[in-house]
C-alpha atoms as a PDB file:
ATOM      1  CA  MET A   1       4.349  -8.514  25.121  1.00  0.00           C
ATOM      2  CA  THR A   2       6.834  -5.910  23.664  1.00  0.00           C
ATOM      3  CA  THR A   3       5.963  -2.359  23.439  1.00  0.00           C
ATOM      4  CA  VAL A   4       6.152  -0.899  19.809  1.00  0.00           C
ATOM      5  CA  HIS A   5       6.091   2.770  18.889  1.00  0.00           C
ATOM      6  CA  LEU A   6       5.556   3.990  15.493  1.00  0.00           C
ATOM      7  CA  THR A   7       4.097   6.671  13.386  1.00  0.00           C
ATOM      8  CA  LEU A   8       0.946   5.529  11.560  1.00  0.00           C
ATOM      9  CA  ASN A   9      -0.243   7.828   8.634  1.00  0.00           C
ATOM     10  CA  GLY A  10       1.252  10.738  10.301  1.00  0.00           C
ATOM     11  CA  GLU A  11      -0.043   9.787  13.914  1.00  0.00           C
ATOM     12  CA  PRO A  12       2.359   8.715  16.667  1.00  0.00           C
ATOM     13  CA  ARG A  13       1.064   4.989  18.047  1.00  0.00           C
ATOM     14  CA  THR A  14       2.162   3.107  20.741  1.00  0.00           C
ATOM     15  CA  ALA A  15       1.008  -0.620  21.747  1.00  0.00           C
ATOM     16  CA  ASP A  16       1.924  -3.854  23.616  1.00  0.00           C
ATOM     17  CA  VAL A  17       2.227  -6.552  20.847  1.00  0.00           C
ATOM     18  CA  ASP A  18       3.099 -10.381  20.865  1.00  0.00           C
ATOM     19  CA  PRO A  19       6.729 -10.517  19.705  1.00  0.00           C
ATOM     20  CA  ARG A  20       5.306 -12.932  16.989  1.00  0.00           C
ATOM     21  CA  LEU A  21       2.710 -10.531  15.629  1.00  0.00           C
ATOM     22  CA  LEU A  22       3.362  -9.587  11.790  1.00  0.00           C
ATOM     23  CA  LEU A  23       3.373  -5.834  10.987  1.00  0.00           C
ATOM     24  CA  VAL A  24       0.393  -6.113   8.862  1.00  0.00           C
ATOM     25  CA  GLU A  25      -1.658  -7.904  11.785  1.00  0.00           C
ATOM     26  CA  ALA A  26      -0.522  -4.999  14.004  1.00  0.00           C
ATOM     27  CA  ILE A  27      -1.596  -2.261  11.572  1.00  0.00           C
ATOM     28  CA  ARG A  28      -4.843  -3.830  11.075  1.00  0.00           C
ATOM     29  CA  ASP A  29      -5.840  -5.591  14.362  1.00  0.00           C
ATOM     30  CA  VAL A  30      -3.927  -3.431  17.105  1.00  0.00           C
ATOM     31  CA  PHE A  31      -3.817   0.093  15.388  1.00  0.00           C
ATOM     32  CA  GLY A  32      -6.789  -0.251  13.274  1.00  0.00           C
ATOM     33  CA  ALA A  33      -5.946   0.579   9.552  1.00  0.00           C
ATOM     34  CA  THR A  34      -7.654  -1.722   7.352  1.00  0.00           C
ATOM     35  CA  GLY A  35      -6.175  -0.947   4.153  1.00  0.00           C
ATOM     36  CA  PRO A  36      -3.408  -3.402   3.902  1.00  0.00           C
ATOM     37  CA  LYS A  37      -4.707  -7.113   3.947  1.00  0.00           C
ATOM     38  CA  LEU A  38      -3.111 -10.344   4.910  1.00  0.00           C
ATOM     39  CA  GLY A  39      -3.339 -12.268   1.682  1.00  0.00           C
ATOM     40  CA  CYS A  40      -0.529 -14.782   0.838  1.00  0.00           C
ATOM     41  CA  GLY A  41       1.581 -14.465   3.831  1.00  0.00           C
ATOM     42  CA  THR A  42       4.578 -14.961   1.767  1.00  0.00           C
ATOM     43  CA  GLY A  43       5.198 -11.439   0.067  1.00  0.00           C
ATOM     44  CA  ASP A  44       3.968 -12.630  -3.467  1.00  0.00           C
ATOM     45  CA  CYS A  45       0.459 -11.055  -3.630  1.00  0.00           C
ATOM     46  CA  GLY A  46       1.137  -7.154  -2.612  1.00  0.00           C
ATOM     47  CA  ALA A  47      -2.118  -7.053  -0.574  1.00  0.00           C
ATOM     48  CA  CYS A  48      -0.277  -6.076   2.672  1.00  0.00           C
ATOM     49  CA  THR A  49       2.002  -3.406   1.085  1.00  0.00           C
ATOM     50  CA  VAL A  50       2.829  -0.314   3.013  1.00  0.00           C
ATOM     51  CA  ARG A  51       5.297   2.426   3.027  1.00  0.00           C
ATOM     52  CA  ARG A  52       8.025   2.367   5.790  1.00  0.00           C
ATOM     53  CA  ASN A  53      10.455   5.082   6.215  1.00  0.00           C
ATOM     54  CA  GLY A  54       9.821   6.111   2.557  1.00  0.00           C
ATOM     55  CA  SER A  55      10.473   2.569   1.024  1.00  0.00           C
ATOM     56  CA  VAL A  56       7.426   0.302  -0.028  1.00  0.00           C
ATOM     57  CA  ILE A  57       7.499  -3.083   1.832  1.00  0.00           C
ATOM     58  CA  LYS A  58       5.280  -6.104   2.236  1.00  0.00           C
ATOM     59  CA  SER A  59       4.065  -5.876   5.691  1.00  0.00           C
ATOM     60  CA  CYS A  60       3.436  -9.788   6.019  1.00  0.00           C
ATOM     61  CA  LEU A  61       7.182 -10.249   5.927  1.00  0.00           C
ATOM     62  CA  GLU A  62       7.982  -8.033   8.778  1.00  0.00           C
ATOM     63  CA  LEU A  63       7.455  -8.448  12.611  1.00  0.00           C
ATOM     64  CA  ALA A  64       5.620  -5.500  14.281  1.00  0.00           C
ATOM     65  CA  VAL A  65       8.493  -5.377  16.979  1.00  0.00           C
ATOM     66  CA  ALA A  66      11.005  -4.847  14.039  1.00  0.00           C
ATOM     67  CA  ASN A  67       9.483  -1.784  13.047  1.00  0.00           C
ATOM     68  CA  ASP A  68       9.729   0.059  16.485  1.00  0.00           C
ATOM     69  CA  GLY A  69      10.329   3.717  15.651  1.00  0.00           C
ATOM     70  CA  ALA A  70       9.105   3.243  11.888  1.00  0.00           C
ATOM     71  CA  ASP A  71       7.003   5.744  10.042  1.00  0.00           C
ATOM     72  CA  ILE A  72       4.270   3.790   8.435  1.00  0.00           C
ATOM     73  CA  VAL A  73       1.881   4.915   5.594  1.00  0.00           C
ATOM     74  CA  THR A  74      -1.078   2.639   4.539  1.00  0.00           C
ATOM     75  CA  ILE A  75      -3.405   3.616   1.766  1.00  0.00           C
ATOM     76  CA  GLU A  76      -5.386   5.378   4.074  1.00  0.00           C
ATOM     77  CA  GLY A  77      -2.489   7.781   4.760  1.00  0.00           C
ATOM     78  CA  LEU A  78      -2.316   8.540   0.891  1.00  0.00           C
ATOM     79  CA  ALA A  79      -5.446  10.700   1.084  1.00  0.00           C
ATOM     80  CA  VAL A  80      -4.920  14.192   2.110  1.00  0.00           C
ATOM     81  CA  GLY A  81      -7.235  15.958   4.361  1.00  0.00           C
ATOM     82  CA  GLY A  82      -9.963  13.235   3.547  1.00  0.00           C
ATOM     83  CA  THR A  83      -9.421  13.959  -0.170  1.00  0.00           C
ATOM     84  CA  LEU A  84      -8.226  11.060  -2.429  1.00  0.00           C
ATOM     85  CA  SER A  85      -4.836  11.595  -3.813  1.00  0.00           C
ATOM     86  CA  ALA A  86      -4.641  12.079  -7.729  1.00  0.00           C
ATOM     87  CA  LEU A  87      -3.668   8.485  -8.151  1.00  0.00           C
ATOM     88  CA  GLN A  88      -6.544   7.273  -5.769  1.00  0.00           C
ATOM     89  CA  GLN A  89      -9.086   9.355  -7.809  1.00  0.00           C
ATOM     90  CA  ALA A  90      -7.697   7.796 -10.989  1.00  0.00           C
ATOM     91  CA  PHE A  91      -8.224   4.530  -9.778  1.00  0.00           C
ATOM     92  CA  TRP A  92     -11.655   5.508  -8.803  1.00  0.00           C
ATOM     93  CA  ASP A  93     -12.492   6.962 -11.965  1.00  0.00           C
ATOM     94  CA  ALA A  94     -11.134   3.988 -14.128  1.00  0.00           C
ATOM     95  CA  TYR A  95     -12.777   1.420 -11.986  1.00  0.00           C
ATOM     96  CA  ALA A  96      -9.456   0.014 -11.538  1.00  0.00           C
ATOM     97  CA  PHE A  97     -10.418  -2.064  -8.422  1.00  0.00           C
ATOM     98  CA  GLN A  98     -13.298  -4.266  -7.710  1.00  0.00           C
ATOM     99  CA  CYS A  99     -12.956  -6.125  -4.222  1.00  0.00           C
ATOM    100  CA  GLY A 100     -10.000  -3.812  -3.232  1.00  0.00           C
ATOM    101  CA  PHE A 101      -7.846  -6.706  -1.912  1.00  0.00           C
ATOM    102  CA  CYS A 102      -4.996  -5.803  -4.115  1.00  0.00           C
ATOM    103  CA  LEU A 103      -5.466  -1.964  -3.674  1.00  0.00           C
ATOM    104  CA  SER A 104      -2.440  -1.416  -1.445  1.00  0.00           C
ATOM    105  CA  GLY A 105       0.109  -3.059  -3.773  1.00  0.00           C
ATOM    106  CA  MET A 106      -1.079  -1.485  -6.670  1.00  0.00           C
ATOM    107  CA  LEU A 107      -1.362   2.197  -5.359  1.00  0.00           C
ATOM    108  CA  PHE A 108       1.821   1.719  -3.803  1.00  0.00           C
ATOM    109  CA  ALA A 109       3.588   0.250  -6.847  1.00  0.00           C
ATOM    110  CA  ALA A 110       2.079   2.986  -8.915  1.00  0.00           C
ATOM    111  CA  ASP A 111       2.826   5.784  -6.554  1.00  0.00           C
ATOM    112  CA  ASP A 112       6.556   4.842  -6.648  1.00  0.00           C
ATOM    113  CA  LEU A 113       6.603   4.528 -10.277  1.00  0.00           C
ATOM    114  CA  LEU A 114       5.243   7.831 -10.889  1.00  0.00           C
ATOM    115  CA  ALA A 115       7.517   9.581  -8.365  1.00  0.00           C
ATOM    116  CA  ASN A 116      10.496   8.185 -10.378  1.00  0.00           C
ATOM    117  CA  ASN A 117       9.107   8.285 -13.878  1.00  0.00           C
ATOM    118  CA  PRO A 118       6.245  10.772 -14.271  1.00  0.00           C
ATOM    119  CA  ALA A 119       5.396   9.552 -17.845  1.00  0.00           C
ATOM    120  CA  PRO A 120       5.857   5.792 -17.968  1.00  0.00           C
ATOM    121  CA  SER A 121       5.176   3.613 -20.870  1.00  0.00           C
ATOM    122  CA  GLU A 122       2.511   0.810 -20.739  1.00  0.00           C
ATOM    123  CA  ALA A 123       5.353  -1.766 -20.455  1.00  0.00           C
ATOM    124  CA  GLU A 124       6.819   0.136 -17.457  1.00  0.00           C
ATOM    125  CA  ILE A 125       3.556   0.431 -15.708  1.00  0.00           C
ATOM    126  CA  ARG A 126       3.034  -3.310 -16.178  1.00  0.00           C
ATOM    127  CA  GLY A 127       6.571  -3.924 -14.861  1.00  0.00           C
ATOM    128  CA  ALA A 128       5.772  -1.741 -11.852  1.00  0.00           C
ATOM    129  CA  ILE A 129       2.745  -3.456 -10.930  1.00  0.00           C
ATOM    130  CA  ALA A 130       4.090  -7.174 -11.670  1.00  0.00           C
ATOM    131  CA  GLY A 131       4.773  -8.046  -8.117  1.00  0.00           C
ATOM    132  CA  ASN A 132       0.826  -7.608  -7.359  1.00  0.00           C
ATOM    133  CA  LEU A 133      -1.784  -9.980  -7.657  1.00  0.00           C
ATOM    134  CA  CYS A 134      -5.307  -8.977  -8.796  1.00  0.00           C
ATOM    135  CA  ARG A 135      -8.071 -11.586  -9.173  1.00  0.00           C
ATOM    136  CA  CYS A 136     -10.781  -9.213 -10.343  1.00  0.00           C
ATOM    137  CA  THR A 137      -9.759  -6.686 -12.831  1.00  0.00           C
ATOM    138  CA  GLY A 138      -7.560  -8.279 -15.623  1.00  0.00           C
ATOM    139  CA  TYR A 139      -5.284  -5.316 -15.035  1.00  0.00           C
ATOM    140  CA  GLU A 140      -6.483  -3.291 -17.952  1.00  0.00           C
ATOM    141  CA  ASN A 141      -8.151  -0.629 -15.885  1.00  0.00           C
ATOM    142  CA  ILE A 142      -5.339  -0.486 -13.423  1.00  0.00           C
ATOM    143  CA  VAL A 143      -2.955   0.394 -16.374  1.00  0.00           C
ATOM    144  CA  VAL A 144      -5.471   2.920 -17.446  1.00  0.00           C
ATOM    145  CA  ALA A 145      -5.705   4.650 -14.075  1.00  0.00           C
ATOM    146  CA  ILE A 146      -1.833   4.813 -13.681  1.00  0.00           C
ATOM    147  CA  ARG A 147      -1.484   6.310 -17.262  1.00  0.00           C
ATOM    148  CA  ALA A 148      -4.524   8.742 -16.215  1.00  0.00           C
ATOM    149  CA  ALA A 149      -2.691   9.764 -13.011  1.00  0.00           C
ATOM    150  CA  SER A 150       0.547  10.216 -14.842  1.00  0.00           C
ATOM    151  CA  GLU A 151      -1.000  12.649 -17.373  1.00  0.00           C
ATOM    152  CA  ALA A 152      -2.847  14.497 -14.631  1.00  0.00           C
ATOM    153  CA  THR A 153       0.286  15.828 -12.957  1.00  0.00           C
END
């Protein structure tokens, strides 16, 4: 076992983990944040997406021990004081998710897009979310939600 110290959604956390444990597994099974999901295990679907030290990563491609000292934010950490972020609210209002499996990837891709481009075109929105797989929505409401969030800020 190896001790890992990290900050998860603003809270310092420490745990002893198997050195082979993936970051997504540690976040979910050890630290209890269930927003990121283990989907493909190859970084293709985006279900495991988190923000590490300010950058969006696929946590199924990272070992937990390699993230000792990291600042990790999951979709649970996007809400402020128990209130959904404007982007999360836009997804809710536009029915932009169904099962929620893709939500981490979609929200973090959209959040990064809007941070760098507050008024993206539809093509830019679709390009930003291209690395995430959604099997439920057909993507239309996701695009609508991201556009609505861009117009709300």
